[in-house]
Amino acid sequence: MRKKNQASSFRPVHESSRTPGGEDVVPTRALMPRRRRRQLVTVALETLADRLPLALAITDRGLRPLFLNETGTALLELGTVLHWDGDALARSDPSQTETVRRCVGNACDSEEKLPTVLALPRSEQKDAAAQFVVIPVRTPEAPSKPAQVALLAIREAGRALPKLELSLQSHYRLTGRESRVVAALTSGLSLADVARMLAITPGTVRGHLKGAFRKTGTHRQTQLVQQVLVGLVLALFTL
């Protein structure tokens, strides 16, 4: 299932380290060949990804995985959100599999190069409701061409994300109660559900939600949840 040592589309952030005056301090080109650098960057990314609490996969447009981190592998073995059909990642409902595949393809083709959030309901075959954040990965050699692979962050809806509340407080300066409300909403709970869970009134929940809107620059609940999920994926290495 787990495939590694594939050709990497990642590259170092800087080709060399420079002083404020522009002089090279450590010319990385002179340290090792480009191919070797990419191999080391790939290994480093995979090692970090394995330590993250979110299920991550790098797939091609047909959902064939090039990489799964340990959390992603465990999620696949559990089979509640995705399973292995012998060739690619899939949902039990073929139409939902096609929806994910189409979402990945559209994200790879998009000129905006922005992450896409996809939410799938519980399937008739009992697959759990799931959320996907799809980030197209373009090669540095052809940054303007459609991406051929994408990074997928996958989670089962209704399950809390580790450290999400602390991340929300850190990134958006939400209060503790605001962060708990937003974290609960990202799990797919309704305002009434959140009120019952936190033992507060629906009016109080809406008040915290307005505060979260103001601090995150969003205006609708769906927009807030999407921004939080995308922001979480993009800020994974700060968790």
Protein backbone atom coordinates (compact mmCIF):
# COMPACT_ATOMS: atom_id res chain seq x y z
CA MET A 1 0.00 0.00 0.00
CA ARG A 2 2.69 2.40 1.01
CA LYS A 3 4.79 3.53 -1.92
CA LYS A 4 7.89 5.57 -1.42
CA ASN A 5 10.98 6.68 -3.29
CA GLN A 6 8.83 8.03 -6.10
CA ALA A 7 9.99 11.01 -8.14
CA SER A 8 9.50 14.07 -5.99
CA SER A 9 7.82 17.28 -7.08
CA PHE A 10 9.11 19.14 -4.03
CA ARG A 11 12.16 21.37 -3.95
CA PRO A 12 14.09 23.26 -1.29
CA VAL A 13 12.69 26.66 -0.38
CA HIS A 14 16.03 28.28 -1.12
CA GLU A 15 18.72 27.21 -3.55
CA SER A 16 21.27 28.85 -1.29
CA SER A 17 21.47 30.65 2.01
CA ARG A 18 22.33 34.32 1.69
CA THR A 19 23.41 37.12 3.98
CA PRO A 20 21.45 40.40 4.03
CA GLY A 21 24.03 41.69 1.54
CA GLY A 22 23.28 38.89 -0.89
CA GLU A 23 26.48 36.86 -0.48
CA ASP A 24 26.19 33.07 -0.52
CA VAL A 25 26.77 31.54 2.89
CA VAL A 26 26.09 27.89 2.05
CA PRO A 27 25.62 27.29 -1.69
CA THR A 28 23.44 24.18 -1.61
CA ARG A 29 24.08 23.44 -5.27
CA ALA A 30 27.71 22.80 -4.36
CA LEU A 31 26.81 20.52 -1.45
CA MET A 32 24.98 17.82 -3.39
CA PRO A 33 23.34 17.13 -6.75
CA ARG A 34 19.78 18.33 -7.33
CA ARG A 35 18.43 14.78 -7.48
CA ARG A 36 19.95 13.90 -4.13
CA ARG A 37 18.60 17.11 -2.56
CA ARG A 38 15.09 16.23 -3.73
CA GLN A 39 15.40 12.72 -2.33
CA LEU A 40 16.41 14.10 1.06
CA VAL A 41 13.59 16.69 1.03
CA THR A 42 11.09 13.96 0.19
CA VAL A 43 12.34 11.76 3.03
CA ALA A 44 12.18 14.73 5.42
CA LEU A 45 8.61 15.57 4.39
CA GLU A 46 7.51 11.95 4.74
CA THR A 47 9.16 11.69 8.16
CA LEU A 48 7.40 14.85 9.36
CA ALA A 49 4.09 13.75 7.82
CA ASP A 50 4.30 10.47 9.73
CA ARG A 51 4.43 12.43 12.99
CA LEU A 52 1.30 14.46 12.25
CA PRO A 53 -2.10 13.49 13.67
CA LEU A 54 -3.94 14.07 10.37
CA ALA A 55 -4.35 11.44 7.64
CA LEU A 56 -2.33 12.56 4.62
CA ALA A 57 -2.01 11.04 1.17
CA ILE A 58 -0.29 12.10 -2.03
CA THR A 59 -2.22 10.66 -4.98
CA ASP A 60 -2.38 11.01 -8.73
CA ARG A 61 -5.53 12.17 -10.46
CA GLY A 62 -6.91 8.62 -10.38
CA LEU A 63 -6.54 8.42 -6.56
CA ARG A 64 -3.61 6.01 -6.83
CA PRO A 65 -1.48 6.78 -3.76
CA LEU A 66 2.18 7.69 -4.09
CA PHE A 67 2.46 8.17 -0.34
CA LEU A 68 0.40 7.58 2.81
CA ASN A 69 1.51 8.68 6.24
CA GLU A 70 0.99 6.38 9.21
CA THR A 71 -2.31 8.00 10.18
CA GLY A 72 -3.53 7.68 6.60
CA THR A 73 -2.52 4.03 6.46
CA ALA A 74 -4.36 3.35 9.74
CA LEU A 75 -7.46 5.12 8.39
CA LEU A 76 -7.32 3.02 5.22
CA GLU A 77 -6.97 -0.21 7.20
CA LEU A 78 -9.95 0.81 9.34
CA GLY A 79 -12.00 1.18 6.17
CA THR A 80 -14.61 3.56 7.58
CA VAL A 81 -13.76 6.44 5.24
CA LEU A 82 -11.73 4.92 2.39
CA HIS A 83 -10.62 1.48 1.32
CA TRP A 84 -8.18 0.00 -1.17
CA ASP A 85 -9.90 -1.43 -4.26
CA GLY A 86 -6.79 -3.12 -5.61
CA ASP A 87 -5.73 -0.14 -7.72
CA ALA A 88 -6.64 3.10 -5.96
CA LEU A 89 -8.31 4.69 -2.95
CA ALA A 90 -12.09 4.38 -3.06
CA ARG A 91 -15.36 4.84 -1.21
CA SER A 92 -17.87 1.98 -1.06
CA ASP A 93 -20.28 4.13 -3.08
CA PRO A 94 -18.84 4.38 -6.64
CA SER A 95 -20.54 7.75 -7.19
CA GLN A 96 -18.76 9.19 -4.13
CA THR A 97 -15.44 7.78 -5.36
CA GLU A 98 -16.04 9.55 -8.65
CA THR A 99 -16.88 12.76 -6.76
CA VAL A 100 -13.52 12.64 -4.95
CA ARG A 101 -11.69 11.82 -8.19
CA ARG A 102 -13.41 14.71 -9.98
CA CYS A 103 -12.59 17.07 -7.11
CA VAL A 104 -8.90 16.11 -7.32
CA GLY A 105 -8.91 16.58 -11.09
CA ASN A 106 -10.61 19.97 -10.90
CA ALA A 107 -8.17 21.15 -8.20
CA CYS A 108 -5.22 20.02 -10.33
CA ASP A 109 -6.59 21.83 -13.40
CA SER A 110 -7.53 25.03 -11.58
CA GLU A 111 -5.42 28.08 -12.43
CA GLU A 112 -6.08 29.50 -8.95
CA LYS A 113 -3.88 26.79 -7.38
CA LEU A 114 -5.96 26.99 -4.19
CA PRO A 115 -6.92 24.18 -1.78
CA THR A 116 -10.39 22.69 -2.23
CA VAL A 117 -12.58 21.38 0.58
CA LEU A 118 -14.94 18.48 -0.15
CA ALA A 119 -17.51 17.12 2.30
CA LEU A 120 -19.18 13.75 1.66
CA PRO A 121 -22.21 12.46 3.59
CA ARG A 122 -22.50 8.98 5.05
CA SER A 123 -22.95 6.56 2.16
CA GLU A 124 -25.68 3.95 1.81
CA GLN A 125 -22.93 1.34 2.14
CA LYS A 126 -22.21 2.72 5.63
CA ASP A 127 -19.01 4.63 4.83
CA ALA A 128 -18.68 7.38 7.42
CA ALA A 129 -19.21 11.01 6.47
CA ALA A 130 -15.84 12.45 5.50
CA GLN A 131 -14.06 15.71 4.73
CA PHE A 132 -11.18 16.15 2.29
CA VAL A 133 -8.83 19.06 1.74
CA VAL A 134 -7.24 18.79 -1.72
CA ILE A 135 -4.07 20.75 -2.50
CA PRO A 136 -2.64 20.46 -6.03
CA VAL A 137 1.11 19.87 -6.19
CA ARG A 138 2.82 21.31 -9.26
CA THR A 139 6.34 20.54 -10.38
CA PRO A 140 8.86 23.41 -10.26
CA GLU A 141 9.80 22.64 -13.86
CA ALA A 142 6.25 23.34 -15.09
CA PRO A 143 4.46 25.50 -12.49
CA SER A 144 1.87 26.79 -14.98
CA LYS A 145 0.80 23.35 -16.22
CA PRO A 146 -1.99 21.31 -14.61
CA ALA A 147 -0.83 19.33 -11.59
CA GLN A 148 -0.61 15.56 -11.91
CA VAL A 149 -0.61 14.81 -8.17
CA ALA A 150 -2.36 16.29 -5.14
CA LEU A 151 -1.98 16.27 -1.37
CA LEU A 152 -5.12 15.01 0.36
CA ALA A 153 -5.83 15.62 4.02
CA ILE A 154 -8.58 13.20 5.05
CA ARG A 155 -10.70 13.03 8.16
CA GLU A 156 -13.82 11.29 9.34
CA ALA A 157 -16.49 13.89 10.01
CA GLY A 158 -17.58 14.03 13.62
CA ARG A 159 -14.15 13.17 15.03
CA ALA A 160 -12.27 15.95 16.79
CA LEU A 161 -8.94 17.03 15.33
CA PRO A 162 -6.04 16.83 17.81
CA LYS A 163 -4.79 20.21 18.98
CA LEU A 164 -7.32 22.07 16.81
CA GLU A 165 -8.55 24.29 19.63
CA LEU A 166 -5.01 25.37 20.55
CA SER A 167 -4.24 25.98 16.88
CA LEU A 168 -7.33 28.19 16.49
CA GLN A 169 -6.39 30.22 19.55
CA SER A 170 -2.84 30.64 18.26
CA HIS A 171 -3.59 31.47 14.62
CA TYR A 172 -6.79 33.51 14.95
CA ARG A 173 -6.56 34.72 18.57
CA LEU A 174 -9.90 33.11 19.38
CA THR A 175 -10.95 32.80 22.99
CA GLY A 176 -11.11 29.35 24.53
CA ARG A 177 -14.90 29.19 24.16
CA GLU A 178 -14.82 30.54 20.59
CA SER A 179 -12.25 27.93 19.63
CA ARG A 180 -14.35 25.14 21.17
CA VAL A 181 -17.41 26.29 19.22
CA VAL A 182 -15.50 26.46 15.93
CA ALA A 183 -13.77 23.11 16.53
CA ALA A 184 -17.16 21.51 17.18
CA LEU A 185 -18.60 23.01 13.98
CA THR A 186 -15.74 21.56 11.91
CA SER A 187 -16.77 18.13 13.21
CA GLY A 188 -20.14 18.55 11.52
CA LEU A 189 -22.21 19.46 14.58
CA SER A 190 -25.13 21.88 14.32
CA LEU A 191 -25.44 25.01 16.48
CA ALA A 192 -28.00 23.22 18.63
CA ASP A 193 -25.64 20.25 19.05
CA VAL A 194 -22.81 22.59 20.05
CA ALA A 195 -25.05 24.32 22.59
CA ARG A 196 -25.97 20.99 24.19
CA MET A 197 -22.37 19.75 24.17
CA LEU A 198 -21.03 22.92 25.83
CA ALA A 199 -24.07 23.36 28.10
CA ILE A 200 -24.76 26.90 26.87
CA THR A 201 -27.69 28.51 25.10
CA PRO A 202 -27.94 28.68 21.28
CA GLY A 203 -27.81 32.46 21.61
CA THR A 204 -24.47 32.23 23.40
CA VAL A 205 -23.17 29.90 20.66
CA ARG A 206 -24.19 32.45 18.02
CA GLY A 207 -22.41 35.17 20.00
CA HIS A 208 -19.17 33.16 20.03
CA LEU A 209 -19.66 32.42 16.35
CA LYS A 210 -19.92 36.13 15.55
CA GLY A 211 -16.65 36.70 17.38
CA ALA A 212 -15.02 33.94 15.32
CA PHE A 213 -16.41 35.48 12.11
CA ARG A 214 -14.89 38.83 13.00
CA LYS A 215 -11.46 37.44 13.88
CA THR A 216 -11.20 35.12 10.87
CA GLY A 217 -12.63 37.57 8.34
CA THR A 218 -15.45 35.20 7.36
CA HIS A 219 -19.19 35.80 7.15
CA ARG A 220 -20.86 32.39 6.89
CA GLN A 221 -20.56 29.17 8.85
CA THR A 222 -19.59 27.11 5.80
CA GLN A 223 -16.96 29.70 4.87
CA LEU A 224 -15.58 29.62 8.42
CA VAL A 225 -15.32 25.81 8.50
CA GLN A 226 -13.65 25.73 5.08
CA GLN A 227 -11.09 28.38 6.06
CA VAL A 228 -10.28 26.58 9.31
CA LEU A 229 -9.80 23.21 7.59
CA VAL A 230 -7.61 24.65 4.84
CA GLY A 231 -5.68 26.74 7.34
CA LEU A 232 -5.09 23.69 9.50
CA VAL A 233 -3.59 21.75 6.59
CA LEU A 234 -1.41 24.66 5.50
CA ALA A 235 -0.22 25.20 9.06
CA LEU A 236 0.40 21.53 9.91
CA PHE A 237 4.04 22.02 10.71
CA THR A 238 3.25 24.61 13.38
CA LEU A 239 0.97 22.29 15.38
